[in-house]
């Protein structure tokens, strides 16, 4: 463990799992026209999006997200830009990815992605 890492208490793991489990909708995956990968702290969004793309669930992927004070150090060019780069490294073709690099919150993610897709 480094100086910047903190141990997570067992109770905090339990609380995080409760929240995680609550948000799991357990929907069956099914094909769709487009997927939207929302920017966040987690590059796993791009990795899972790439996995779903390769599974044939959608032909087009939008990565959306600019920067926030808490992601700027990790993703200095913006969340969507870094997610796109990671998906390209994982074999998603460039022509299958659209980029929306300005959203600053979930509402913006959806609004700006809809504009991008409409336009």
PDB file of N, CA and C in Angstrom:
ATOM      1  N   UNK A   1       0.851  -1.176   0.000  1.00  0.00           N
ATOM      2  CA  UNK A   1       0.000   0.000   0.000  1.00  0.00           C
ATOM      3  C   UNK A   1       0.894   1.236   0.000  1.00  0.00           C
ATOM      4  N   UNK A   2       0.589   2.212  -0.870  1.00  0.00           N
ATOM      5  CA  UNK A   2       1.380   3.433  -0.942  1.00  0.00           C
ATOM      6  C   UNK A   2       0.845   4.455   0.049  1.00  0.00           C
ATOM      7  N   UNK A   3       1.570   5.556   0.147  1.00  0.00           N
ATOM      8  CA  UNK A   3       1.153   6.633   1.056  1.00  0.00           C
ATOM      9  C   UNK A   3      -0.188   7.234   0.645  1.00  0.00           C
ATOM     10  N   UNK A   4      -0.522   7.145  -0.663  1.00  0.00           N
ATOM     11  CA  UNK A   4      -1.758   7.759  -1.147  1.00  0.00           C
ATOM     12  C   UNK A   4      -2.963   6.833  -1.060  1.00  0.00           C
ATOM     13  N   UNK A   5      -2.738   5.573  -0.759  1.00  0.00           N
ATOM     14  CA  UNK A   5      -3.834   4.622  -0.640  1.00  0.00           C
ATOM     15  C   UNK A   5      -4.248   4.506   0.816  1.00  0.00           C
ATOM     16  N   UNK A   6      -5.514   4.241   1.009  1.00  0.00           N
ATOM     17  CA  UNK A   6      -6.034   4.026   2.350  1.00  0.00           C
ATOM     18  C   UNK A   6      -6.705   2.660   2.392  1.00  0.00           C
ATOM     19  N   UNK A   7      -6.577   2.008   3.512  1.00  0.00           N
ATOM     20  CA  UNK A   7      -7.281   0.740   3.690  1.00  0.00           C
ATOM     21  C   UNK A   7      -8.775   1.027   3.785  1.00  0.00           C
ATOM     22  N   UNK A   8      -9.560   0.171   3.176  1.00  0.00           N
ATOM     23  CA  UNK A   8     -11.018   0.329   3.239  1.00  0.00           C
ATOM     24  C   UNK A   8     -11.544  -0.641   4.286  1.00  0.00           C
ATOM     25  N   UNK A   9     -12.222  -0.075   5.241  1.00  0.00           N
ATOM     26  CA  UNK A   9     -12.757  -0.879   6.337  1.00  0.00           C
ATOM     27  C   UNK A   9     -13.815  -1.854   5.813  1.00  0.00           C
ATOM     28  N   UNK A  10     -13.929  -2.989   6.464  1.00  0.00           N
ATOM     29  CA  UNK A  10     -14.888  -4.019   6.068  1.00  0.00           C
ATOM     30  C   UNK A  10     -16.312  -3.453   5.989  1.00  0.00           C
ATOM     31  N   UNK A  11     -16.674  -2.603   6.913  1.00  0.00           N
ATOM     32  CA  UNK A  11     -18.018  -2.015   6.904  1.00  0.00           C
ATOM     33  C   UNK A  11     -18.226  -1.149   5.665  1.00  0.00           C
ATOM     34  N   UNK A  12     -17.192  -0.433   5.233  1.00  0.00           N
ATOM     35  CA  UNK A  12     -17.316   0.392   4.028  1.00  0.00           C
ATOM     36  C   UNK A  12     -17.467  -0.490   2.782  1.00  0.00           C
ATOM     37  N   UNK A  13     -16.749  -1.619   2.735  1.00  0.00           N
ATOM     38  CA  UNK A  13     -16.937  -2.571   1.635  1.00  0.00           C
ATOM     39  C   UNK A  13     -18.378  -3.067   1.622  1.00  0.00           C
ATOM     40  N   UNK A  14     -18.901  -3.377   2.792  1.00  0.00           N
ATOM     41  CA  UNK A  14     -20.281  -3.861   2.902  1.00  0.00           C
ATOM     42  C   UNK A  14     -21.260  -2.795   2.387  1.00  0.00           C
ATOM     43  N   UNK A  15     -21.057  -1.553   2.798  1.00  0.00           N
ATOM     44  CA  UNK A  15     -21.935  -0.476   2.354  1.00  0.00           C
ATOM     45  C   UNK A  15     -21.825  -0.247   0.849  1.00  0.00           C
ATOM     46  N   UNK A  16     -20.618  -0.296   0.314  1.00  0.00           N
ATOM     47  CA  UNK A  16     -20.424  -0.133  -1.129  1.00  0.00           C
ATOM     48  C   UNK A  16     -21.113  -1.258  -1.892  1.00  0.00           C
ATOM     49  N   UNK A  17     -21.043  -2.477  -1.382  1.00  0.00           N
ATOM     50  CA  UNK A  17     -21.696  -3.612  -2.034  1.00  0.00           C
ATOM     51  C   UNK A  17     -23.217  -3.451  -2.016  1.00  0.00           C
ATOM     52  N   UNK A  18     -23.759  -2.939  -0.929  1.00  0.00           N
ATOM     53  CA  UNK A  18     -25.195  -2.688  -0.877  1.00  0.00           C
ATOM     54  C   UNK A  18     -25.626  -1.714  -1.968  1.00  0.00           C
ATOM     55  N   UNK A  19     -24.862  -0.650  -2.136  1.00  0.00           N
ATOM     56  CA  UNK A  19     -25.180   0.340  -3.168  1.00  0.00           C
ATOM     57  C   UNK A  19     -25.020  -0.278  -4.547  1.00  0.00           C
ATOM     58  N   UNK A  20     -23.927  -1.005  -4.757  1.00  0.00           N
ATOM     59  CA  UNK A  20     -23.687  -1.665  -6.046  1.00  0.00           C
ATOM     60  C   UNK A  20     -24.836  -2.616  -6.384  1.00  0.00           C
ATOM     61  N   UNK A  21     -25.193  -3.467  -5.438  1.00  0.00           N
ATOM     62  CA  UNK A  21     -26.264  -4.436  -5.669  1.00  0.00           C
ATOM     63  C   UNK A  21     -27.589  -3.746  -5.963  1.00  0.00           C
ATOM     64  N   UNK A  22     -27.859  -2.636  -5.289  1.00  0.00           N
ATOM     65  CA  UNK A  22     -29.086  -1.893  -5.500  1.00  0.00           C
ATOM     66  C   UNK A  22     -29.173  -1.393  -6.948  1.00  0.00           C
ATOM     67  N   UNK A  23     -28.058  -0.954  -7.491  1.00  0.00           N
ATOM     68  CA  UNK A  23     -28.050  -0.393  -8.840  1.00  0.00           C
ATOM     69  C   UNK A  23     -28.056  -1.445  -9.948  1.00  0.00           C
ATOM     70  N   UNK A  24     -27.830  -2.680  -9.619  1.00  0.00           N
ATOM     71  CA  UNK A  24     -27.841  -3.729 -10.635  1.00  0.00           C
ATOM     72  C   UNK A  24     -29.283  -4.033 -11.023  1.00  0.00           C
ATOM     73  N   UNK A  25     -29.595  -3.794 -12.270  1.00  0.00           N
ATOM     74  CA  UNK A  25     -30.963  -3.987 -12.730  1.00  0.00           C
ATOM     75  C   UNK A  25     -31.190  -5.397 -13.258  1.00  0.00           C
ATOM     76  N   UNK A  26     -30.114  -6.134 -13.489  1.00  0.00           N
ATOM     77  CA  UNK A  26     -30.184  -7.532 -13.929  1.00  0.00           C
ATOM     78  C   UNK A  26     -30.979  -7.717 -15.223  1.00  0.00           C
ATOM     79  N   UNK A  27     -30.948  -6.718 -16.093  1.00  0.00           N
ATOM     80  CA  UNK A  27     -31.581  -6.853 -17.396  1.00  0.00           C
ATOM     81  C   UNK A  27     -30.757  -7.794 -18.261  1.00  0.00           C
ATOM     82  N   UNK A  28     -31.435  -8.552 -19.088  1.00  0.00           N
ATOM     83  CA  UNK A  28     -30.743  -9.382 -20.063  1.00  0.00           C
ATOM     84  C   UNK A  28     -30.168  -8.472 -21.146  1.00  0.00           C
ATOM     85  N   UNK A  29     -28.936  -8.752 -21.551  1.00  0.00           N
ATOM     86  CA  UNK A  29     -28.329  -7.969 -22.622  1.00  0.00           C
ATOM     87  C   UNK A  29     -29.018  -8.310 -23.929  1.00  0.00           C
ATOM     88  N   UNK A  30     -29.222  -7.283 -24.764  1.00  0.00           N
ATOM     89  CA  UNK A  30     -29.818  -7.506 -26.069  1.00  0.00           C
ATOM     90  C   UNK A  30     -29.249  -6.475 -27.044  1.00  0.00           C
ATOM     91  N   UNK A  31     -29.233  -6.790 -28.302  1.00  0.00           N
ATOM     92  CA  UNK A  31     -28.679  -5.868 -29.291  1.00  0.00           C
ATOM     93  C   UNK A  31     -29.430  -4.542 -29.324  1.00  0.00           C
ATOM     94  N   UNK A  32     -28.692  -3.488 -29.661  1.00  0.00           N
ATOM     95  CA  UNK A  32     -29.279  -2.160 -29.801  1.00  0.00           C
ATOM     96  C   UNK A  32     -28.522  -1.418 -30.904  1.00  0.00           C
ATOM     97  N   UNK A  33     -28.998  -0.252 -31.272  1.00  0.00           N
ATOM     98  CA  UNK A  33     -28.400   0.519 -32.365  1.00  0.00           C
ATOM     99  C   UNK A  33     -27.134   1.251 -31.958  1.00  0.00           C
ATOM    100  N   UNK A  34     -27.078   1.676 -30.708  1.00  0.00           N
ATOM    101  CA  UNK A  34     -25.931   2.448 -30.239  1.00  0.00           C
ATOM    102  C   UNK A  34     -25.809   2.279 -28.724  1.00  0.00           C
ATOM    103  N   UNK A  35     -24.582   2.317 -28.238  1.00  0.00           N
ATOM    104  CA  UNK A  35     -24.335   2.300 -26.793  1.00  0.00           C
ATOM    105  C   UNK A  35     -23.665   3.606 -26.412  1.00  0.00           C
ATOM    106  N   UNK A  36     -23.882   4.031 -25.191  1.00  0.00           N
ATOM    107  CA  UNK A  36     -23.269   5.257 -24.685  1.00  0.00           C
ATOM    108  C   UNK A  36     -22.453   4.908 -23.457  1.00  0.00           C
ATOM    109  N   UNK A  37     -21.157   5.194 -23.529  1.00  0.00           N
ATOM    110  CA  UNK A  37     -20.262   5.003 -22.392  1.00  0.00           C
ATOM    111  C   UNK A  37     -20.076   6.335 -21.690  1.00  0.00           C
ATOM    112  N   UNK A  38     -20.637   6.448 -20.502  1.00  0.00           N
ATOM    113  CA  UNK A  38     -20.564   7.699 -19.752  1.00  0.00           C
ATOM    114  C   UNK A  38     -19.204   7.850 -19.093  1.00  0.00           C
ATOM    115  N   UNK A  39     -18.654   9.045 -19.189  1.00  0.00           N
ATOM    116  CA  UNK A  39     -17.384   9.336 -18.555  1.00  0.00           C
ATOM    117  C   UNK A  39     -17.459   9.141 -17.048  1.00  0.00           C
ATOM    118  N   UNK A  40     -16.341   8.772 -16.481  1.00  0.00           N
ATOM    119  CA  UNK A  40     -16.255   8.540 -15.040  1.00  0.00           C
ATOM    120  C   UNK A  40     -14.784   8.402 -14.676  1.00  0.00           C
ATOM    121  N   UNK A  41     -14.523   7.967 -13.458  1.00  0.00           N
ATOM    122  CA  UNK A  41     -13.161   7.705 -13.000  1.00  0.00           C
ATOM    123  C   UNK A  41     -12.646   6.351 -13.469  1.00  0.00           C
ATOM    124  N   UNK A  42     -13.515   5.522 -14.020  1.00  0.00           N
ATOM    125  CA  UNK A  42     -13.232   4.111 -14.235  1.00  0.00           C
ATOM    126  C   UNK A  42     -13.036   3.777 -15.709  1.00  0.00           C
ATOM    127  N   UNK A  43     -11.807   3.489 -16.106  1.00  0.00           N
ATOM    128  CA  UNK A  43     -11.501   3.096 -17.470  1.00  0.00           C
ATOM    129  C   UNK A  43     -12.160   1.764 -17.824  1.00  0.00           C
ATOM    130  N   UNK A  44     -12.657   1.059 -16.818  1.00  0.00           N
ATOM    131  CA  UNK A  44     -13.393  -0.175 -17.050  1.00  0.00           C
ATOM    132  C   UNK A  44     -14.640   0.040 -17.883  1.00  0.00           C
ATOM    133  N   UNK A  45     -15.195   1.252 -17.873  1.00  0.00           N
ATOM    134  CA  UNK A  45     -16.353   1.555 -18.726  1.00  0.00           C
ATOM    135  C   UNK A  45     -15.972   1.339 -20.188  1.00  0.00           C
ATOM    136  N   UNK A  46     -14.804   1.825 -20.576  1.00  0.00           N
ATOM    137  CA  UNK A  46     -14.343   1.659 -21.956  1.00  0.00           C
ATOM    138  C   UNK A  46     -14.068   0.193 -22.255  1.00  0.00           C
ATOM    139  N   UNK A  47     -13.464  -0.508 -21.316  1.00  0.00           N
ATOM    140  CA  UNK A  47     -13.144  -1.925 -21.521  1.00  0.00           C
ATOM    141  C   UNK A  47     -14.419  -2.752 -21.670  1.00  0.00           C
ATOM    142  N   UNK A  48     -15.405  -2.521 -20.834  1.00  0.00           N
ATOM    143  CA  UNK A  48     -16.644  -3.291 -20.925  1.00  0.00           C
ATOM    144  C   UNK A  48     -17.421  -2.911 -22.183  1.00  0.00           C
ATOM    145  N   UNK A  49     -17.385  -1.638 -22.540  1.00  0.00           N
ATOM    146  CA  UNK A  49     -18.025  -1.211 -23.788  1.00  0.00           C
ATOM    147  C   UNK A  49     -17.389  -1.916 -24.977  1.00  0.00           C
ATOM    148  N   UNK A  50     -16.063  -2.022 -24.983  1.00  0.00           N
ATOM    149  CA  UNK A  50     -15.364  -2.725 -26.060  1.00  0.00           C
ATOM    150  C   UNK A  50     -15.767  -4.200 -26.085  1.00  0.00           C
ATOM    151  N   UNK A  51     -15.863  -4.797 -24.913  1.00  0.00           N
ATOM    152  CA  UNK A  51     -16.288  -6.203 -24.821  1.00  0.00           C
ATOM    153  C   UNK A  51     -17.683  -6.386 -25.429  1.00  0.00           C
ATOM    154  N   UNK A  52     -18.607  -5.505 -25.086  1.00  0.00           N
ATOM    155  CA  UNK A  52     -19.965  -5.606 -25.620  1.00  0.00           C
ATOM    156  C   UNK A  52     -20.002  -5.348 -27.120  1.00  0.00           C
ATOM    157  N   UNK A  53     -19.160  -4.424 -27.589  1.00  0.00           N
ATOM    158  CA  UNK A  53     -19.067  -4.177 -29.026  1.00  0.00           C
ATOM    159  C   UNK A  53     -18.618  -5.457 -29.743  1.00  0.00           C
ATOM    160  N   UNK A  54     -17.555  -6.066 -29.241  1.00  0.00           N
ATOM    161  CA  UNK A  54     -17.030  -7.289 -29.863  1.00  0.00           C
ATOM    162  C   UNK A  54     -18.019  -8.452 -29.767  1.00  0.00           C
ATOM    163  N   UNK A  55     -18.912  -8.406 -28.784  1.00  0.00           N
ATOM    164  CA  UNK A  55     -19.947  -9.436 -28.664  1.00  0.00           C
ATOM    165  C   UNK A  55     -21.080  -9.204 -29.667  1.00  0.00           C
ATOM    166  N   UNK A  56     -21.005  -8.097 -30.414  1.00  0.00           N
ATOM    167  CA  UNK A  56     -21.992  -7.824 -31.447  1.00  0.00           C
ATOM    168  C   UNK A  56     -23.282  -7.201 -30.961  1.00  0.00           C
ATOM    169  N   UNK A  57     -23.243  -6.571 -29.790  1.00  0.00           N
ATOM    170  CA  UNK A  57     -24.483  -6.011 -29.240  1.00  0.00           C
ATOM    171  C   UNK A  57     -24.850  -4.654 -29.825  1.00  0.00           C
ATOM    172  N   UNK A  58     -23.903  -3.976 -30.461  1.00  0.00           N
ATOM    173  CA  UNK A  58     -24.187  -2.691 -31.096  1.00  0.00           C
ATOM    174  C   UNK A  58     -23.086  -2.380 -32.101  1.00  0.00           C
ATOM    175  N   UNK A  59     -23.439  -1.624 -33.158  1.00  0.00           N
ATOM    176  CA  UNK A  59     -22.438  -1.267 -34.157  1.00  0.00           C
ATOM    177  C   UNK A  59     -21.778   0.091 -33.921  1.00  0.00           C
ATOM    178  N   UNK A  60     -22.325   0.866 -33.002  1.00  0.00           N
ATOM    179  CA  UNK A  60     -21.863   2.235 -32.787  1.00  0.00           C
ATOM    180  C   UNK A  60     -21.785   2.521 -31.295  1.00  0.00           C
ATOM    181  N   UNK A  61     -20.725   3.216 -30.902  1.00  0.00           N
ATOM    182  CA  UNK A  61     -20.472   3.505 -29.499  1.00  0.00           C
ATOM    183  C   UNK A  61     -20.158   4.981 -29.346  1.00  0.00           C
ATOM    184  N   UNK A  62     -20.839   5.642 -28.430  1.00  0.00           N
ATOM    185  CA  UNK A  62     -20.555   7.036 -28.092  1.00  0.00           C
ATOM    186  C   UNK A  62     -19.868   7.060 -26.733  1.00  0.00           C
ATOM    187  N   UNK A  63     -18.711   7.694 -26.670  1.00  0.00           N
ATOM    188  CA  UNK A  63     -18.096   7.974 -25.373  1.00  0.00           C
ATOM    189  C   UNK A  63     -18.326   9.449 -25.094  1.00  0.00           C
ATOM    190  N   UNK A  64     -18.833   9.731 -23.919  1.00  0.00           N
ATOM    191  CA  UNK A  64     -19.186  11.092 -23.551  1.00  0.00           C
ATOM    192  C   UNK A  64     -18.577  11.465 -22.211  1.00  0.00           C
ATOM    193  N   UNK A  65     -18.042  12.664 -22.146  1.00  0.00           N
ATOM    194  CA  UNK A  65     -17.510  13.173 -20.887  1.00  0.00           C
ATOM    195  C   UNK A  65     -16.304  14.063 -21.104  1.00  0.00           C
ATOM    196  N   UNK A  66     -16.353  15.217 -20.472  1.00  0.00           N
ATOM    197  CA  UNK A  66     -15.223  16.140 -20.508  1.00  0.00           C
ATOM    198  C   UNK A  66     -14.313  15.855 -19.342  1.00  0.00           C
ATOM    199  N   UNK A  67     -14.195  16.820 -18.485  1.00  0.00           N
ATOM    200  CA  UNK A  67     -13.354  16.684 -17.307  1.00  0.00           C
ATOM    201  C   UNK A  67     -14.088  17.210 -16.094  1.00  0.00           C
ATOM    202  N   UNK A  68     -13.649  16.738 -14.967  1.00  0.00           N
ATOM    203  CA  UNK A  68     -14.126  17.261 -13.693  1.00  0.00           C
ATOM    204  C   UNK A  68     -12.901  17.471 -12.831  1.00  0.00           C
ATOM    205  N   UNK A  69     -13.035  18.222 -11.763  1.00  0.00           N
ATOM    206  CA  UNK A  69     -11.866  18.409 -10.884  1.00  0.00           C
ATOM    207  C   UNK A  69     -11.291  17.096 -10.376  1.00  0.00           C
ATOM    208  N   UNK A  70     -12.141  16.066 -10.268  1.00  0.00           N
ATOM    209  CA  UNK A  70     -11.656  14.798  -9.714  1.00  0.00           C
ATOM    210  C   UNK A  70     -11.128  13.827 -10.770  1.00  0.00           C
ATOM    211  N   UNK A  71     -11.330  14.117 -12.064  1.00  0.00           N
ATOM    212  CA  UNK A  71     -10.806  13.230 -13.107  1.00  0.00           C
ATOM    213  C   UNK A  71      -9.707  13.876 -13.941  1.00  0.00           C
ATOM    214  N   UNK A  72      -9.475  15.146 -13.769  1.00  0.00           N
ATOM    215  CA  UNK A  72      -8.508  15.878 -14.598  1.00  0.00           C
ATOM    216  C   UNK A  72      -7.110  15.273 -14.532  1.00  0.00           C
ATOM    217  N   UNK A  73      -6.653  14.877 -13.361  1.00  0.00           N
ATOM    218  CA  UNK A  73      -5.305  14.316 -13.239  1.00  0.00           C
ATOM    219  C   UNK A  73      -5.215  12.958 -13.938  1.00  0.00           C
ATOM    220  N   UNK A  74      -6.247  12.155 -13.817  1.00  0.00           N
ATOM    221  CA  UNK A  74      -6.233  10.815 -14.420  1.00  0.00           C
ATOM    222  C   UNK A  74      -6.461  10.860 -15.927  1.00  0.00           C
ATOM    223  N   UNK A  75      -7.351  11.752 -16.377  1.00  0.00           N
ATOM    224  CA  UNK A  75      -7.712  11.860 -17.790  1.00  0.00           C
ATOM    225  C   UNK A  75      -7.547  13.308 -18.255  1.00  0.00           C
ATOM    226  N   UNK A  76      -6.312  13.787 -18.413  1.00  0.00           N
ATOM    227  CA  UNK A  76      -6.082  15.206 -18.690  1.00  0.00           C
ATOM    228  C   UNK A  76      -6.699  15.711 -19.992  1.00  0.00           C
ATOM    229  N   UNK A  77      -6.929  14.842 -20.979  1.00  0.00           N
ATOM    230  CA  UNK A  77      -7.548  15.265 -22.238  1.00  0.00           C
ATOM    231  C   UNK A  77      -9.061  15.062 -22.233  1.00  0.00           C
ATOM    232  N   UNK A  78      -9.608  14.670 -21.106  1.00  0.00           N
ATOM    233  CA  UNK A  78     -11.049  14.448 -20.981  1.00  0.00           C
ATOM    234  C   UNK A  78     -11.371  12.972 -20.919  1.00  0.00           C
ATOM    235  N   UNK A  79     -12.411  12.654 -20.196  1.00  0.00           N
ATOM    236  CA  UNK A  79     -12.806  11.269 -19.971  1.00  0.00           C
ATOM    237  C   UNK A  79     -13.117  10.554 -21.292  1.00  0.00           C
ATOM    238  N   UNK A  80     -13.938  11.155 -22.135  1.00  0.00           N
ATOM    239  CA  UNK A  80     -14.344  10.511 -23.384  1.00  0.00           C
ATOM    240  C   UNK A  80     -13.147  10.232 -24.284  1.00  0.00           C
ATOM    241  N   UNK A  81     -12.208  11.162 -24.340  1.00  0.00           N
ATOM    242  CA  UNK A  81     -11.022  10.992 -25.183  1.00  0.00           C
ATOM    243  C   UNK A  81     -10.213   9.781 -24.723  1.00  0.00           C
ATOM    244  N   UNK A  82      -9.982   9.676 -23.433  1.00  0.00           N
ATOM    245  CA  UNK A  82      -9.216   8.549 -22.892  1.00  0.00           C
ATOM    246  C   UNK A  82      -9.981   7.230 -23.055  1.00  0.00           C
ATOM    247  N   UNK A  83     -11.300   7.265 -22.877  1.00  0.00           N
ATOM    248  CA  UNK A  83     -12.108   6.054 -23.062  1.00  0.00           C
ATOM    249  C   UNK A  83     -12.014   5.586 -24.515  1.00  0.00           C
ATOM    250  N   UNK A  84     -12.113   6.530 -25.452  1.00  0.00           N
ATOM    251  CA  UNK A  84     -11.995   6.192 -26.872  1.00  0.00           C
ATOM    252  C   UNK A  84     -10.648   5.550 -27.162  1.00  0.00           C
ATOM    253  N   UNK A  85      -9.588   6.149 -26.671  1.00  0.00           N
ATOM    254  CA  UNK A  85      -8.251   5.608 -26.908  1.00  0.00           C
ATOM    255  C   UNK A  85      -8.130   4.181 -26.366  1.00  0.00           C
ATOM    256  N   UNK A  86      -8.688   3.948 -25.204  1.00  0.00           N
ATOM    257  CA  UNK A  86      -8.630   2.609 -24.616  1.00  0.00           C
ATOM    258  C   UNK A  86      -9.433   1.613 -25.457  1.00  0.00           C
ATOM    259  N   UNK A  87     -10.607   2.013 -25.915  1.00  0.00           N
ATOM    260  CA  UNK A  87     -11.422   1.126 -26.750  1.00  0.00           C
ATOM    261  C   UNK A  87     -10.703   0.820 -28.065  1.00  0.00           C
ATOM    262  N   UNK A  88     -10.022   1.804 -28.637  1.00  0.00           N
ATOM    263  CA  UNK A  88      -9.248   1.564 -29.853  1.00  0.00           C
ATOM    264  C   UNK A  88      -8.143   0.544 -29.583  1.00  0.00           C
ATOM    265  N   UNK A  89      -7.475   0.670 -28.449  1.00  0.00           N
ATOM    266  CA  UNK A  89      -6.430  -0.292 -28.069  1.00  0.00           C
ATOM    267  C   UNK A  89      -7.006  -1.706 -27.929  1.00  0.00           C
ATOM    268  N   UNK A  90      -8.283  -1.777 -27.574  1.00  0.00           N
ATOM    269  CA  UNK A  90      -8.953  -3.071 -27.388  1.00  0.00           C
ATOM    270  C   UNK A  90      -9.621  -3.568 -28.669  1.00  0.00           C
ATOM    271  N   UNK A  91      -9.349  -2.904 -29.777  1.00  0.00           N
ATOM    272  CA  UNK A  91      -9.797  -3.402 -31.065  1.00  0.00           C
ATOM    273  C   UNK A  91     -11.103  -2.871 -31.601  1.00  0.00           C
ATOM    274  N   UNK A  92     -11.712  -1.905 -30.944  1.00  0.00           N
ATOM    275  CA  UNK A  92     -12.918  -1.292 -31.506  1.00  0.00           C
ATOM    276  C   UNK A  92     -12.459  -0.368 -32.631  1.00  0.00           C
ATOM    277  N   UNK A  93     -13.017  -0.510 -33.837  1.00  0.00           N
ATOM    278  CA  UNK A  93     -12.569   0.338 -34.943  1.00  0.00           C
ATOM    279  C   UNK A  93     -12.964   1.798 -34.756  1.00  0.00           C
ATOM    280  N   UNK A  94     -12.111   2.672 -35.254  1.00  0.00           N
ATOM    281  CA  UNK A  94     -12.326   4.109 -35.116  1.00  0.00           C
ATOM    282  C   UNK A  94     -13.690   4.537 -35.648  1.00  0.00           C
ATOM    283  N   UNK A  95     -14.114   3.958 -36.782  1.00  0.00           N
ATOM    284  CA  UNK A  95     -15.384   4.366 -37.380  1.00  0.00           C
ATOM    285  C   UNK A  95     -16.598   3.933 -36.564  1.00  0.00           C
ATOM    286  N   UNK A  96     -16.403   3.093 -35.562  1.00  0.00           N
ATOM    287  CA  UNK A  96     -17.510   2.655 -34.707  1.00  0.00           C
ATOM    288  C   UNK A  96     -17.652   3.512 -33.452  1.00  0.00           C
ATOM    289  N   UNK A  97     -16.777   4.518 -33.297  1.00  0.00           N
ATOM    290  CA  UNK A  97     -16.786   5.334 -32.075  1.00  0.00           C
ATOM    291  C   UNK A  97     -17.068   6.790 -32.415  1.00  0.00           C
ATOM    292  N   UNK A  98     -18.054   7.353 -31.731  1.00  0.00           N
ATOM    293  CA  UNK A  98     -18.307   8.791 -31.773  1.00  0.00           C
ATOM    294  C   UNK A  98     -17.864   9.375 -30.440  1.00  0.00           C
ATOM    295  N   UNK A  99     -17.427  10.610 -30.472  1.00  0.00           N
ATOM    296  CA  UNK A  99     -16.863  11.247 -29.282  1.00  0.00           C
ATOM    297  C   UNK A  99     -17.645  12.499 -28.927  1.00  0.00           C
ATOM    298  N   UNK A 100     -18.064  12.585 -27.697  1.00  0.00           N
ATOM    299  CA  UNK A 100     -18.713  13.788 -27.149  1.00  0.00           C
ATOM    300  C   UNK A 100     -17.846  14.215 -25.961  1.00  0.00           C
ATOM    301  N   UNK A 101     -16.963  15.199 -26.122  1.00  0.00           N
ATOM    302  CA  UNK A 101     -15.976  15.520 -25.101  1.00  0.00           C
ATOM    303  C   UNK A 101     -16.308  16.688 -24.171  1.00  0.00           C
ATOM    304  N   UNK A 102     -17.560  17.134 -24.135  1.00  0.00           N
ATOM    305  CA  UNK A 102     -17.871  18.352 -23.379  1.00  0.00           C
ATOM    306  C   UNK A 102     -18.746  18.166 -22.146  1.00  0.00           C
ATOM    307  N   UNK A 103     -19.392  17.041 -22.003  1.00  0.00           N
ATOM    308  CA  UNK A 103     -20.335  16.847 -20.896  1.00  0.00           C
ATOM    309  C   UNK A 103     -19.620  16.937 -19.547  1.00  0.00           C
ATOM    310  N   UNK A 104     -20.303  17.549 -18.596  1.00  0.00           N
ATOM    311  CA  UNK A 104     -19.741  17.698 -17.252  1.00  0.00           C
ATOM    312  C   UNK A 104     -20.576  17.015 -16.183  1.00  0.00           C
ATOM    313  N   UNK A 105     -21.704  16.429 -16.573  1.00  0.00           N
ATOM    314  CA  UNK A 105     -22.532  15.680 -15.630  1.00  0.00           C
ATOM    315  C   UNK A 105     -23.413  14.725 -16.430  1.00  0.00           C
ATOM    316  N   UNK A 106     -24.141  13.881 -15.758  1.00  0.00           N
ATOM    317  CA  UNK A 106     -24.924  12.848 -16.441  1.00  0.00           C
ATOM    318  C   UNK A 106     -25.992  13.455 -17.348  1.00  0.00           C
ATOM    319  N   UNK A 107     -26.627  14.518 -16.920  1.00  0.00           N
ATOM    320  CA  UNK A 107     -27.618  15.185 -17.772  1.00  0.00           C
ATOM    321  C   UNK A 107     -26.991  15.676 -19.059  1.00  0.00           C
ATOM    322  N   UNK A 108     -25.811  16.289 -18.937  1.00  0.00           N
ATOM    323  CA  UNK A 108     -25.088  16.731 -20.137  1.00  0.00           C
ATOM    324  C   UNK A 108     -24.691  15.547 -21.009  1.00  0.00           C
ATOM    325  N   UNK A 109     -24.258  14.435 -20.380  1.00  0.00           N
ATOM    326  CA  UNK A 109     -23.896  13.244 -21.151  1.00  0.00           C
ATOM    327  C   UNK A 109     -25.025  12.858 -22.102  1.00  0.00           C
ATOM    328  N   UNK A 110     -26.220  12.791 -21.584  1.00  0.00           N
ATOM    329  CA  UNK A 110     -27.362  12.350 -22.386  1.00  0.00           C
ATOM    330  C   UNK A 110     -27.760  13.415 -23.404  1.00  0.00           C
ATOM    331  N   UNK A 111     -27.888  14.651 -22.970  1.00  0.00           N
ATOM    332  CA  UNK A 111     -28.297  15.737 -23.873  1.00  0.00           C
ATOM    333  C   UNK A 111     -27.317  15.898 -25.030  1.00  0.00           C
ATOM    334  N   UNK A 112     -26.027  15.946 -24.730  1.00  0.00           N
ATOM    335  CA  UNK A 112     -25.027  16.167 -25.773  1.00  0.00           C
ATOM    336  C   UNK A 112     -24.845  14.928 -26.658  1.00  0.00           C
ATOM    337  N   UNK A 113     -25.030  13.753 -26.102  1.00  0.00           N
ATOM    338  CA  UNK A 113     -24.963  12.529 -26.920  1.00  0.00           C
ATOM    339  C   UNK A 113     -26.137  12.470 -27.888  1.00  0.00           C
ATOM    340  N   UNK A 114     -27.305  12.863 -27.424  1.00  0.00           N
ATOM    341  CA  UNK A 114     -28.476  12.877 -28.313  1.00  0.00           C
ATOM    342  C   UNK A 114     -28.258  13.854 -29.470  1.00  0.00           C
ATOM    343  N   UNK A 115     -27.702  15.019 -29.165  1.00  0.00           N
ATOM    344  CA  UNK A 115     -27.411  15.999 -30.231  1.00  0.00           C
ATOM    345  C   UNK A 115     -26.411  15.418 -31.227  1.00  0.00           C
ATOM    346  N   UNK A 116     -25.386  14.803 -30.730  1.00  0.00           N
ATOM    347  CA  UNK A 116     -24.367  14.206 -31.592  1.00  0.00           C
ATOM    348  C   UNK A 116     -24.985  13.150 -32.508  1.00  0.00           C
ATOM    349  N   UNK A 117     -25.820  12.309 -31.955  1.00  0.00           N
ATOM    350  CA  UNK A 117     -26.446  11.250 -32.746  1.00  0.00           C
ATOM    351  C   UNK A 117     -27.481  11.796 -33.740  1.00  0.00           C
ATOM    352  N   UNK A 118     -28.126  12.885 -33.387  1.00  0.00           N
ATOM    353  CA  UNK A 118     -29.149  13.464 -34.265  1.00  0.00           C
ATOM    354  C   UNK A 118     -28.527  14.234 -35.421  1.00  0.00           C
ATOM    355  N   UNK A 119     -27.296  14.667 -35.210  1.00  0.00           N
ATOM    356  CA  UNK A 119     -26.790  15.606 -36.108  1.00  0.00           C
ATOM    357  C   UNK A 119     -25.849  15.497 -37.125  1.00  0.00           C
TER     358      UNK A 119
END
